[in-house]
């Protein structure tokens, strides 16, 4: 809200930061305040496939352009440039489209934009590969909102086709530690082959009635056909992965914090351990809650 940008991209509007905005309507006010900082010569690229964004930008006092899957001033079709691995997944394609649209409005040529996309190497904690040991890929990602979790899982399944995906989730943000998005998390983890849930970070800071219950979440995921376990601490998570991981599997850690450097601990121990090659043996491993 304190910026006065010449150009901006409005990708989505979803309820987050529930400790600050206890209702979705209050968060909408923050977006309205941001849009008021845009001057008449400012450029906004707005996601066309969102009714909320369409309503927010109904009477713009700035230069408005829309981008979307099939509608808007910029759409993604007949793509003839190869996006790098850092831009895997539908969400990143949408992000790239928004960037391309804004760059065009700022005067860049299609060739310049394509070259920029081809050389993009990604950013830290967004599908960041921390290491590959014995054909096991370990990834660190910032995802904590259920939409980010779902879309990152989609991207990783696209990026690593045919490989099992183990997601390890730490509820750490003020939103993810609460149960406000409980039903959305049940949907978000659906695409993972296995889900490991760490305890919420500093749970005593969240009132018990509002706190995310990871054991219940694991049980409800299992009832929906998703293999899921709530594990009591980070060391136990590492040990479970070491006893159950197979070759050509992907382990993705989701947290908006450092997750106590758990990915480094896993990589170090993978170097010294023999990984499981018998899938029947993996399925026989039990988890103690």
Protein backbone atom coordinates (compact mmCIF):
# COMPACT_ATOMS: atom_id res chain seq x y z
CA UNK A 1 0.00 0.00 0.00
CA UNK A 2 2.97 2.29 0.57
CA UNK A 3 4.27 1.80 -2.98
CA UNK A 4 3.13 3.96 -5.87
CA UNK A 5 4.05 1.68 -8.78
CA UNK A 6 4.08 2.60 -12.44
CA UNK A 7 3.31 -1.03 -13.33
CA UNK A 8 1.73 -3.87 -11.36
CA UNK A 9 0.21 -7.33 -11.85
CA UNK A 10 -2.83 -8.46 -9.89
CA UNK A 11 -2.67 -12.26 -10.00
CA UNK A 12 -5.26 -13.29 -7.42
CA UNK A 13 -7.25 -12.19 -4.40
CA UNK A 14 -7.70 -14.89 -1.75
CA UNK A 15 -8.25 -14.84 1.97
CA UNK A 16 -4.91 -14.87 3.80
CA UNK A 17 -3.27 -13.24 6.84
CA UNK A 18 -6.34 -14.14 8.85
CA UNK A 19 -4.74 -12.76 12.03
CA UNK A 20 -4.90 -9.29 10.44
CA UNK A 21 -7.99 -9.75 8.27
CA UNK A 22 -10.41 -11.97 10.21
CA UNK A 23 -12.94 -11.68 7.38
CA UNK A 24 -12.34 -11.83 3.64
CA UNK A 25 -14.17 -8.52 3.19
CA UNK A 26 -11.62 -6.72 5.37
CA UNK A 27 -8.79 -8.01 3.20
CA UNK A 28 -10.58 -6.71 0.09
CA UNK A 29 -10.21 -3.26 1.60
CA UNK A 30 -6.42 -3.59 1.49
CA UNK A 31 -6.55 -4.34 -2.24
CA UNK A 32 -8.85 -1.39 -2.80
CA UNK A 33 -6.37 0.84 -0.97
CA UNK A 34 -3.54 -0.48 -3.15
CA UNK A 35 -5.42 0.23 -6.37
CA UNK A 36 -5.95 3.81 -5.22
CA UNK A 37 -2.16 4.29 -5.23
CA UNK A 38 -2.08 3.76 -9.01
CA UNK A 39 -1.99 7.00 -10.99
CA UNK A 40 -3.70 7.66 -14.31
CA UNK A 41 -0.52 6.70 -16.20
CA UNK A 42 0.08 3.54 -14.14
CA UNK A 43 -0.39 0.15 -15.80
CA UNK A 44 -2.21 -2.76 -14.17
CA UNK A 45 -2.33 -6.29 -15.60
CA UNK A 46 -5.31 -8.00 -13.91
CA UNK A 47 -6.18 -11.71 -13.97
CA UNK A 48 -9.29 -12.01 -16.15
CA UNK A 49 -10.66 -15.27 -14.72
CA UNK A 50 -11.49 -13.91 -11.27
CA UNK A 51 -14.87 -12.38 -10.47
CA UNK A 52 -13.39 -10.69 -7.40
CA UNK A 53 -10.65 -8.99 -9.44
CA UNK A 54 -13.14 -8.01 -12.14
CA UNK A 55 -15.26 -6.30 -9.50
CA UNK A 56 -12.25 -4.58 -7.90
CA UNK A 57 -11.16 -3.15 -11.26
CA UNK A 58 -14.62 -2.26 -12.56
CA UNK A 59 -13.99 1.52 -12.75
CA UNK A 60 -10.22 1.94 -13.12
CA UNK A 61 -8.47 5.27 -12.72
CA UNK A 62 -5.38 3.77 -14.37
CA UNK A 63 -4.47 1.90 -17.55
CA UNK A 64 -6.05 -1.54 -17.20
CA UNK A 65 -5.24 -4.65 -19.24
CA UNK A 66 -6.50 -8.14 -18.51
CA UNK A 67 -4.81 -11.50 -19.02
CA UNK A 68 -6.29 -14.99 -18.71
CA UNK A 69 -6.47 -18.55 -19.95
CA UNK A 70 -8.98 -17.82 -22.71
CA UNK A 71 -10.12 -14.23 -22.24
CA UNK A 72 -8.52 -10.83 -21.87
CA UNK A 73 -6.06 -8.63 -23.72
CA UNK A 74 -3.39 -11.31 -23.31
CA UNK A 75 -4.10 -15.05 -23.45
CA UNK A 76 -1.85 -18.12 -23.48
CA UNK A 77 -2.29 -19.99 -26.75
CA UNK A 78 -0.08 -21.21 -29.58
CA UNK A 79 2.92 -21.06 -27.25
CA UNK A 80 6.07 -21.37 -29.35
CA UNK A 81 8.72 -20.80 -26.71
CA UNK A 82 9.96 -23.38 -24.20
CA UNK A 83 9.62 -22.32 -20.58
CA UNK A 84 12.48 -23.29 -18.24
CA UNK A 85 12.01 -25.83 -15.41
CA UNK A 86 11.74 -22.94 -12.94
CA UNK A 87 8.42 -22.02 -14.58
CA UNK A 88 6.82 -25.48 -14.43
CA UNK A 89 3.11 -25.79 -13.79
CA UNK A 90 -0.08 -23.98 -14.80
CA UNK A 91 0.35 -21.29 -12.12
CA UNK A 92 3.76 -20.29 -13.43
CA UNK A 93 2.46 -20.21 -16.99
CA UNK A 94 -0.18 -17.75 -15.81
CA UNK A 95 2.46 -15.70 -14.00
CA UNK A 96 4.64 -15.66 -17.10
CA UNK A 97 1.67 -14.47 -19.15
CA UNK A 98 1.07 -11.56 -16.78
CA UNK A 99 4.74 -10.60 -16.89
CA UNK A 100 4.76 -10.81 -20.68
CA UNK A 101 1.71 -8.55 -20.89
CA UNK A 102 3.20 -5.95 -18.58
CA UNK A 103 6.52 -6.06 -20.43
CA UNK A 104 4.72 -5.46 -23.73
CA UNK A 105 3.02 -2.42 -22.25
CA UNK A 106 6.42 -1.18 -21.07
CA UNK A 107 7.79 -1.43 -24.60
CA UNK A 108 9.67 -4.73 -24.69
CA UNK A 109 9.50 -6.82 -27.86
CA UNK A 110 8.16 -10.41 -27.95
CA UNK A 111 11.71 -11.60 -28.69
CA UNK A 112 13.09 -9.82 -25.62
CA UNK A 113 10.35 -11.26 -23.44
CA UNK A 114 10.91 -14.81 -24.77
CA UNK A 115 14.64 -14.52 -24.10
CA UNK A 116 13.99 -13.34 -20.56
CA UNK A 117 11.64 -16.25 -19.86
CA UNK A 118 14.07 -18.79 -21.32
CA UNK A 119 16.88 -17.62 -19.03
CA UNK A 120 14.80 -17.29 -15.86
CA UNK A 121 16.40 -19.42 -13.14
CA UNK A 122 13.72 -19.13 -10.50
CA UNK A 123 13.82 -17.72 -6.98
CA UNK A 124 14.61 -19.20 -3.61
CA UNK A 125 11.91 -21.25 -1.88
CA UNK A 126 9.83 -21.62 -5.05
CA UNK A 127 10.34 -25.20 -6.25
CA UNK A 128 13.96 -24.73 -5.18
CA UNK A 129 15.98 -27.92 -5.60
CA UNK A 130 18.16 -28.24 -2.49
CA UNK A 131 19.90 -31.36 -3.75
CA UNK A 132 19.64 -34.71 -5.50
CA UNK A 133 21.07 -37.74 -3.68
CA UNK A 134 20.74 -41.34 -4.89
CA UNK A 135 18.02 -40.32 -7.35
CA UNK A 136 16.00 -38.63 -4.60
CA UNK A 137 15.21 -34.98 -5.32
CA UNK A 138 14.76 -32.71 -2.29
CA UNK A 139 12.83 -29.46 -2.82
CA UNK A 140 12.11 -26.45 -0.63
CA UNK A 141 9.02 -24.33 -1.30
CA UNK A 142 7.33 -21.39 0.40
CA UNK A 143 3.81 -22.80 -0.11
CA UNK A 144 1.63 -22.46 2.98
CA UNK A 145 -1.74 -21.20 1.73
CA UNK A 146 -3.84 -24.14 0.43
CA UNK A 147 -4.01 -22.70 -3.09
CA UNK A 148 -0.22 -22.43 -3.20
CA UNK A 149 0.09 -25.99 -1.87
CA UNK A 150 -2.28 -27.34 -4.52
CA UNK A 151 -0.70 -25.47 -7.41
CA UNK A 152 2.85 -26.34 -6.35
CA UNK A 153 1.90 -30.02 -6.20
CA UNK A 154 0.46 -29.67 -9.72
CA UNK A 155 3.69 -28.07 -10.92
CA UNK A 156 5.92 -30.73 -9.35
CA UNK A 157 3.86 -33.58 -10.81
CA UNK A 158 4.26 -31.95 -14.22
CA UNK A 159 7.97 -31.31 -13.68
CA UNK A 160 8.73 -34.85 -12.46
CA UNK A 161 6.34 -37.11 -14.41
CA UNK A 162 6.18 -40.71 -13.25
CA UNK A 163 7.94 -39.99 -9.95
CA UNK A 164 6.31 -40.35 -6.56
CA UNK A 165 5.84 -37.06 -4.73
CA UNK A 166 6.15 -36.90 -0.95
CA UNK A 167 5.05 -33.56 0.49
CA UNK A 168 6.11 -32.49 3.97
CA UNK A 169 4.07 -29.58 5.32
CA UNK A 170 4.89 -27.33 8.26
CA UNK A 171 1.97 -25.09 9.31
CA UNK A 172 4.03 -22.05 10.23
CA UNK A 173 2.29 -18.90 8.99
CA UNK A 174 -0.38 -17.17 11.05
CA UNK A 175 -2.92 -18.45 8.54
CA UNK A 176 -1.75 -22.04 8.06
CA UNK A 177 -1.51 -22.64 11.83
CA UNK A 178 -5.22 -21.92 12.06
CA UNK A 179 -8.12 -24.10 10.95
CA UNK A 180 -9.67 -21.39 8.74
CA UNK A 181 -8.70 -23.26 5.55
CA UNK A 182 -9.14 -26.82 6.85
CA UNK A 183 -11.46 -27.97 4.06
CA UNK A 184 -9.22 -26.36 1.44
CA UNK A 185 -6.19 -28.29 2.72
CA UNK A 186 -8.12 -31.53 2.26
CA UNK A 187 -8.44 -30.65 -1.42
CA UNK A 188 -4.96 -29.14 -1.77
CA UNK A 189 -3.01 -32.30 -0.86
CA UNK A 190 -5.07 -34.57 -3.10
CA UNK A 191 -2.42 -34.73 -5.83
CA UNK A 192 0.44 -35.88 -3.59
CA UNK A 193 1.42 -39.54 -3.31
CA UNK A 194 2.15 -39.16 0.40
CA UNK A 195 1.68 -36.31 2.86
CA UNK A 196 3.68 -35.86 6.07
CA UNK A 197 2.40 -33.20 8.46
CA UNK A 198 4.67 -31.52 10.99
CA UNK A 199 3.19 -29.96 14.13
CA UNK A 200 2.14 -26.31 13.86
CA UNK A 201 4.99 -23.94 14.68
CA UNK A 202 4.67 -22.38 18.14
CA UNK A 203 1.15 -23.76 18.63
CA UNK A 204 0.77 -22.05 22.00
CA UNK A 205 0.43 -18.74 20.15
CA UNK A 206 -2.82 -19.89 18.53
CA UNK A 207 -5.99 -20.38 20.63
CA UNK A 208 -6.83 -24.11 20.77
CA UNK A 209 -10.24 -23.58 19.17
CA UNK A 210 -8.59 -21.90 16.17
CA UNK A 211 -5.52 -24.16 15.88
CA UNK A 212 -5.03 -26.54 12.94
CA UNK A 213 -5.28 -30.15 14.11
CA UNK A 214 -2.73 -31.99 11.96
CA UNK A 215 -3.63 -35.44 13.32
CA UNK A 216 -7.26 -34.91 12.35
CA UNK A 217 -6.15 -33.56 8.98
CA UNK A 218 -4.04 -36.68 8.37
CA UNK A 219 -6.95 -38.94 9.34
CA UNK A 220 -9.36 -37.08 7.06
CA UNK A 221 -6.90 -37.19 4.17
CA UNK A 222 -6.56 -40.96 4.64
CA UNK A 223 -10.34 -41.31 4.49
CA UNK A 224 -10.21 -39.52 1.15
CA UNK A 225 -7.61 -41.91 -0.22
CA UNK A 226 -4.51 -39.78 0.39
CA UNK A 227 -1.71 -41.50 2.30
CA UNK A 228 -1.05 -39.05 5.13
CA UNK A 229 0.63 -39.08 8.54
CA UNK A 230 1.03 -36.52 11.32
CA UNK A 231 4.51 -36.93 12.82
CA UNK A 232 5.49 -35.47 16.17
CA UNK A 233 8.79 -33.71 15.40
CA UNK A 234 11.25 -32.86 12.65
CA UNK A 235 13.80 -35.55 13.51
CA UNK A 236 11.08 -38.20 13.38
CA UNK A 237 10.02 -36.90 9.95
CA UNK A 238 13.57 -37.29 8.63
CA UNK A 239 13.83 -40.80 10.03
CA UNK A 240 10.50 -41.80 8.54
CA UNK A 241 11.53 -40.53 5.11
CA UNK A 242 14.86 -42.36 5.34
CA UNK A 243 13.07 -45.64 6.14
CA UNK A 244 10.47 -45.27 3.42
CA UNK A 245 11.98 -43.36 0.50
CA UNK A 246 12.53 -45.09 -2.81
CA UNK A 247 14.64 -44.22 -5.86
CA UNK A 248 13.42 -41.54 -8.28
CA UNK A 249 11.14 -39.99 -5.67
CA UNK A 250 10.65 -36.31 -4.94
CA UNK A 251 10.46 -34.92 -1.40
CA UNK A 252 9.00 -31.40 -1.26
CA UNK A 253 9.10 -29.43 1.98
CA UNK A 254 6.41 -26.75 2.28
CA UNK A 255 6.93 -23.98 4.83
CA UNK A 256 7.11 -20.20 4.87
CA UNK A 257 10.06 -20.50 7.26
CA UNK A 258 13.35 -22.38 7.41
CA UNK A 259 11.67 -25.61 8.67
CA UNK A 260 14.62 -25.99 11.06
CA UNK A 261 16.84 -26.77 8.03
CA UNK A 262 15.14 -30.16 7.73
CA UNK A 263 15.97 -30.53 4.02
CA UNK A 264 19.70 -30.25 4.74
CA UNK A 265 19.43 -32.86 7.48
CA UNK A 266 17.66 -35.21 5.10
CA UNK A 267 20.24 -34.73 2.34
CA UNK A 268 23.13 -35.34 4.75
CA UNK A 269 21.58 -38.56 6.03
CA UNK A 270 20.61 -39.76 2.55
CA UNK A 271 24.29 -39.68 1.67
CA UNK A 272 24.96 -42.24 4.39
CA UNK A 273 21.85 -44.43 4.13
CA UNK A 274 20.76 -47.10 1.72
CA UNK A 275 17.39 -46.17 0.28
CA UNK A 276 14.53 -48.65 0.08
CA UNK A 277 14.07 -50.25 -3.33
CA UNK A 278 11.30 -52.70 -2.44
CA UNK A 279 7.93 -50.88 -2.55
CA UNK A 280 6.30 -53.67 -0.48
CA UNK A 281 8.81 -52.92 2.27
CA UNK A 282 7.89 -49.23 2.14
CA UNK A 283 4.19 -49.96 2.52
CA UNK A 284 4.88 -52.10 5.57
CA UNK A 285 6.50 -49.27 7.52
CA UNK A 286 4.37 -47.99 10.38
CA UNK A 287 4.25 -44.44 11.71
CA UNK A 288 3.95 -43.75 15.41
CA UNK A 289 1.98 -40.60 16.10
